[in-house]
Amino acid sequence: MSTAKSANSAPKVLVVDDDSDIVELLEYNLTKEGYSVLTASNGKKAIDIAKAFVPDLILLDIMMPQLDGIETGRILRQNPDIKNTYILFLTARSEEYSEVAAFEVGADDYITKPIKPRALMSRINALFRREAQKAESGDTIEILDLSINRKNYTVTQGGEKSTVLPKKEFELLFFLAQTPNKVFSRDELLQKIWGADIYVLERTVDVHIRKLREKLGDSYIKTLKGVGYMFSNERE
């Protein structure tokens, strides 16, 4: 484990990989960009470090000893302090099922090796720029019986039940609720929520919509077959 020499206000990044050369490469480039960096060589160490460090971003390898990246990501997302941390999976595997598994546990991005440091830094910087832009917009949407609060990523339902959503699920709900009854294609949602500089499968949107419906019910987000999704402000 190592600490970067950066300001306390710098975004915090946890690098998790069992390949020491990759860890050294990422730590060097992140530190040069001004990020505060800690590292771990396996999933178990990453979980322990993340509890105390509470990073803004985790770069997480999938194929690791002791605890693989998918299970590590699942455990990290169960920690309330880590729920809204960005998780970018790093992997040499390009199979679709690996990518889907990563997004199932709450990945924000999925990056295949070999890693190109400049391209990766660009993607990371873009994530934080979008976060800053979102913070400048409105914080709360009141629609139907939902109160959607961007400050703490919570959705209050019926004035009683409050649910904390993972970052991408929340952003997807917030975006759709901003323009009720307007249909957005999967491609449009990928562009708006994940960004034009990040490549993910269209199926990723379906996964996040399904999770939102499991938590909030089926009545809010409607599917138009062959077109896309919309937030409906009409009760059936």
Protein backbone atom coordinates (compact mmCIF):
# COMPACT_ATOMS: atom_id res chain seq x y z
CA MET A 1 0.00 0.00 0.00
CA SER A 2 1.29 3.44 -0.84
CA THR A 3 0.22 7.03 -0.50
CA ALA A 4 0.50 9.67 -3.18
CA LYS A 5 1.95 13.07 -2.44
CA SER A 6 -1.07 15.20 -3.21
CA ALA A 7 -3.34 17.73 -1.60
CA ASN A 8 -5.97 16.52 0.86
CA SER A 9 -8.66 17.90 -1.43
CA ALA A 10 -7.51 15.80 -4.39
CA PRO A 11 -9.88 13.07 -5.57
CA LYS A 12 -8.92 9.74 -4.00
CA VAL A 13 -8.23 6.68 -6.15
CA LEU A 14 -7.73 3.08 -5.06
CA VAL A 15 -5.84 0.90 -7.58
CA VAL A 16 -6.41 -2.84 -7.18
CA ASP A 17 -4.41 -5.30 -9.30
CA ASP A 18 -2.14 -8.28 -8.62
CA ASP A 19 0.24 -7.19 -11.38
CA SER A 20 2.80 -4.91 -9.71
CA ASP A 21 3.89 -3.40 -13.04
CA ILE A 22 0.32 -2.27 -13.81
CA VAL A 23 -0.09 -0.91 -10.28
CA GLU A 24 3.14 1.08 -10.59
CA LEU A 25 2.12 2.43 -14.01
CA LEU A 26 -1.32 3.53 -12.84
CA GLU A 27 -0.08 4.99 -9.57
CA TYR A 28 2.55 7.06 -11.40
CA ASN A 29 0.11 8.48 -13.95
CA LEU A 30 -2.64 9.16 -11.42
CA THR A 31 -0.27 10.90 -9.04
CA LYS A 32 1.06 13.02 -11.92
CA GLU A 33 -2.54 14.08 -12.65
CA GLY A 34 -2.96 15.22 -9.04
CA TYR A 35 -4.95 12.33 -7.59
CA SER A 36 -4.36 10.88 -4.12
CA VAL A 37 -3.60 7.18 -4.62
CA LEU A 38 -3.56 4.00 -2.54
CA THR A 39 -3.00 0.52 -3.95
CA ALA A 40 -3.90 -3.08 -3.13
CA SER A 41 -2.74 -6.37 -4.65
CA ASN A 42 -5.94 -8.35 -4.07
CA GLY A 43 -9.65 -7.99 -3.35
CA LYS A 44 -9.49 -8.67 0.38
CA LYS A 45 -6.90 -5.95 0.93
CA ALA A 46 -8.92 -3.59 -1.30
CA ILE A 47 -12.02 -4.00 0.86
CA ASP A 48 -10.10 -3.24 4.05
CA ILE A 49 -8.35 -0.21 2.54
CA ALA A 50 -11.55 1.16 1.00
CA LYS A 51 -13.33 1.18 4.37
CA ALA A 52 -10.80 3.62 5.80
CA PHE A 53 -9.78 5.49 2.62
CA VAL A 54 -13.30 5.90 1.13
CA PRO A 55 -12.03 6.54 -2.41
CA ASP A 56 -13.80 8.59 -5.06
CA LEU A 57 -12.72 6.05 -7.68
CA ILE A 58 -11.64 2.40 -7.63
CA LEU A 59 -9.70 0.84 -10.51
CA LEU A 60 -10.41 -2.85 -10.01
CA ASP A 61 -8.85 -5.80 -11.82
CA ILE A 62 -11.19 -8.77 -12.40
CA MET A 63 -8.77 -11.73 -12.39
CA MET A 64 -7.11 -11.72 -8.96
CA PRO A 65 -6.15 -14.29 -6.31
CA GLN A 66 -8.12 -14.79 -3.07
CA LEU A 67 -11.12 -12.74 -4.20
CA ASP A 68 -11.88 -11.86 -7.82
CA GLY A 69 -12.83 -8.36 -8.92
CA ILE A 70 -16.53 -9.10 -9.51
CA GLU A 71 -17.07 -10.40 -5.97
CA THR A 72 -14.90 -7.60 -4.58
CA GLY A 73 -17.06 -5.05 -6.39
CA ARG A 74 -20.23 -6.68 -5.05
CA ILE A 75 -18.95 -6.47 -1.47
CA LEU A 76 -17.76 -2.88 -1.91
CA ARG A 77 -21.18 -1.79 -3.21
CA GLN A 78 -22.78 -3.14 -0.02
CA ASN A 79 -20.81 -0.61 2.03
CA PRO A 80 -22.93 2.59 2.35
CA ASP A 81 -19.77 4.73 2.25
CA ILE A 82 -18.67 3.12 -1.04
CA LYS A 83 -22.05 2.93 -2.77
CA ASN A 84 -21.45 6.06 -4.83
CA THR A 85 -17.74 5.58 -5.51
CA TYR A 86 -16.90 5.16 -9.18
CA ILE A 87 -15.72 1.62 -9.98
CA LEU A 88 -13.81 1.03 -13.22
CA PHE A 89 -13.04 -2.61 -13.93
CA LEU A 90 -9.74 -3.50 -15.60
CA THR A 91 -9.49 -6.83 -17.35
CA ALA A 92 -7.72 -8.80 -20.05
CA ARG A 93 -11.00 -10.62 -20.72
CA SER A 94 -13.29 -9.25 -23.43
CA GLU A 95 -16.18 -11.73 -23.24
CA GLU A 96 -19.62 -10.15 -23.09
CA TYR A 97 -20.63 -12.12 -20.00
CA SER A 98 -17.67 -10.67 -18.05
CA GLU A 99 -18.74 -7.14 -18.97
CA VAL A 100 -22.37 -7.82 -18.07
CA ALA A 101 -21.26 -9.33 -14.73
CA ALA A 102 -19.24 -6.18 -14.00
CA PHE A 103 -22.21 -3.88 -14.63
CA GLU A 104 -24.48 -6.19 -12.63
CA VAL A 105 -22.42 -5.41 -9.51
CA GLY A 106 -22.37 -1.67 -10.20
CA ALA A 107 -19.49 -0.91 -12.54
CA ASP A 108 -19.25 2.60 -13.99
CA ASP A 109 -16.89 1.57 -16.77
CA TYR A 110 -15.15 -1.53 -18.12
CA ILE A 111 -11.67 -1.21 -19.58
CA THR A 112 -9.82 -3.97 -21.39
CA LYS A 113 -6.07 -4.44 -21.13
CA PRO A 114 -3.47 -3.58 -22.30
CA ILE A 115 -4.02 -0.25 -20.60
CA LYS A 116 -3.22 2.94 -22.48
CA PRO A 117 -2.38 5.42 -19.69
CA ARG A 118 -3.26 8.62 -21.59
CA ALA A 119 -6.62 7.26 -22.75
CA LEU A 120 -7.41 5.98 -19.26
CA MET A 121 -6.52 9.32 -17.64
CA SER A 122 -8.78 11.07 -20.15
CA ARG A 123 -11.69 8.82 -19.21
CA ILE A 124 -11.10 9.30 -15.49
CA ASN A 125 -10.87 13.07 -15.85
CA ALA A 126 -14.09 13.04 -17.89
CA LEU A 127 -15.89 11.17 -15.09
CA PHE A 128 -14.98 13.81 -12.54
CA ARG A 129 -15.83 16.68 -14.93
CA ARG A 130 -19.32 15.26 -15.45
CA GLU A 131 -19.72 14.87 -11.70
CA ALA A 132 -18.85 18.55 -11.20
CA GLN A 133 -21.32 19.61 -13.90
CA LYS A 134 -24.12 17.57 -12.34
CA ALA A 135 -23.46 19.12 -8.94
CA GLU A 136 -24.22 22.53 -10.44
CA SER A 137 -27.71 21.53 -11.60
CA GLY A 138 -30.86 21.12 -9.50
CA ASP A 139 -30.65 18.79 -6.51
CA THR A 140 -34.18 17.42 -6.16
CA ILE A 141 -37.01 16.23 -8.38
CA GLU A 142 -40.50 15.79 -6.92
CA ILE A 143 -42.68 13.65 -9.17
CA LEU A 144 -45.65 11.42 -8.37
CA ASP A 145 -44.88 10.00 -4.93
CA LEU A 146 -41.11 10.16 -5.44
CA SER A 147 -38.59 12.64 -4.09
CA ILE A 148 -35.31 12.12 -5.95
CA ASN A 149 -32.44 13.81 -4.11
CA ARG A 150 -29.12 14.19 -5.88
CA LYS A 151 -27.27 15.40 -2.77
CA ASN A 152 -27.36 12.00 -1.11
CA TYR A 153 -28.47 9.75 -4.00
CA THR A 154 -31.68 8.83 -2.21
CA VAL A 155 -35.19 8.26 -3.48
CA THR A 156 -38.02 8.70 -0.99
CA GLN A 157 -41.18 6.88 -1.94
CA GLY A 158 -44.56 7.92 -0.55
CA GLY A 159 -42.91 10.19 2.00
CA GLU A 160 -41.77 7.17 3.97
CA LYS A 161 -39.52 4.62 2.29
CA SER A 162 -36.07 6.02 1.48
CA THR A 163 -33.73 4.10 -0.83
CA VAL A 164 -30.06 4.86 -1.48
CA LEU A 165 -29.24 4.00 -5.09
CA PRO A 166 -25.85 3.23 -6.66
CA LYS A 167 -24.54 6.15 -8.69
CA LYS A 168 -25.43 5.00 -12.20
CA GLU A 169 -28.90 3.74 -11.23
CA PHE A 170 -29.58 7.08 -9.58
CA GLU A 171 -28.32 9.11 -12.53
CA LEU A 172 -30.45 7.08 -14.93
CA LEU A 173 -33.59 7.60 -12.82
CA PHE A 174 -32.85 11.31 -12.32
CA PHE A 175 -32.30 11.86 -16.04
CA LEU A 176 -35.52 10.11 -17.08
CA ALA A 177 -37.56 11.87 -14.38
CA GLN A 178 -36.30 15.27 -15.53
CA THR A 179 -38.26 14.84 -18.77
CA PRO A 180 -41.29 12.67 -18.01
CA ASN A 181 -43.16 10.99 -20.87
CA LYS A 182 -40.26 11.46 -23.27
CA VAL A 183 -38.83 8.27 -24.74
CA PHE A 184 -35.06 7.83 -24.88
CA SER A 185 -33.32 5.09 -26.85
CA ARG A 186 -30.72 2.89 -25.19
CA ASP A 187 -28.02 4.63 -27.21
CA GLU A 188 -29.19 8.07 -26.04
CA LEU A 189 -29.16 6.91 -22.42
CA LEU A 190 -25.69 5.46 -22.78
CA GLN A 191 -24.46 8.77 -24.20
CA LYS A 192 -26.13 10.84 -21.47
CA ILE A 193 -25.36 8.68 -18.44
CA TRP A 194 -22.13 6.88 -19.30
CA GLY A 195 -20.75 9.46 -21.75
CA ALA A 196 -19.66 9.43 -25.38
CA ASP A 197 -16.08 8.56 -24.41
CA ILE A 198 -17.05 5.34 -22.64
CA TYR A 199 -17.98 2.21 -24.54
CA VAL A 200 -20.45 -0.14 -22.85
CA LEU A 201 -23.04 -2.57 -24.14
CA GLU A 202 -26.61 -1.40 -24.76
CA ARG A 203 -27.67 -4.25 -22.49
CA THR A 204 -26.12 -2.28 -19.62
CA VAL A 205 -29.12 0.08 -19.74
CA ASP A 206 -31.51 -2.87 -19.47
CA VAL A 207 -29.64 -4.16 -16.41
CA HIS A 208 -29.93 -0.80 -14.63
CA ILE A 209 -33.60 -0.36 -15.55
CA ARG A 210 -34.36 -3.83 -14.18
CA LYS A 211 -32.62 -2.99 -10.90
CA LEU A 212 -34.56 0.28 -10.58
CA ARG A 213 -37.84 -1.58 -11.09
CA GLU A 214 -36.88 -4.16 -8.47
CA LYS A 215 -36.32 -1.38 -5.93
CA LEU A 216 -39.09 1.09 -6.82
CA GLY A 217 -41.71 -1.00 -8.62
CA ASP A 218 -42.70 -1.30 -12.27
CA SER A 219 -45.02 1.70 -12.55
CA TYR A 220 -42.48 4.52 -13.05
CA ILE A 221 -40.30 3.52 -16.00
CA LYS A 222 -42.07 2.26 -19.11
CA THR A 223 -40.62 0.28 -22.00
CA LEU A 224 -41.56 1.06 -25.59
CA LYS A 225 -40.53 -2.05 -27.46
CA GLY A 226 -38.05 -1.34 -30.20
CA VAL A 227 -37.71 2.29 -29.10
CA GLY A 228 -36.47 2.70 -25.54
CA TYR A 229 -37.50 3.84 -22.07
CA MET A 230 -39.39 6.72 -20.51
CA PHE A 231 -40.46 7.88 -17.07
CA SER A 232 -44.25 8.04 -16.91
CA ASN A 233 -45.87 10.62 -14.64
CA GLU A 234 -49.29 9.05 -15.11
CA ARG A 235 -50.74 6.47 -12.77
CA GLU A 236 -52.41 3.48 -14.34
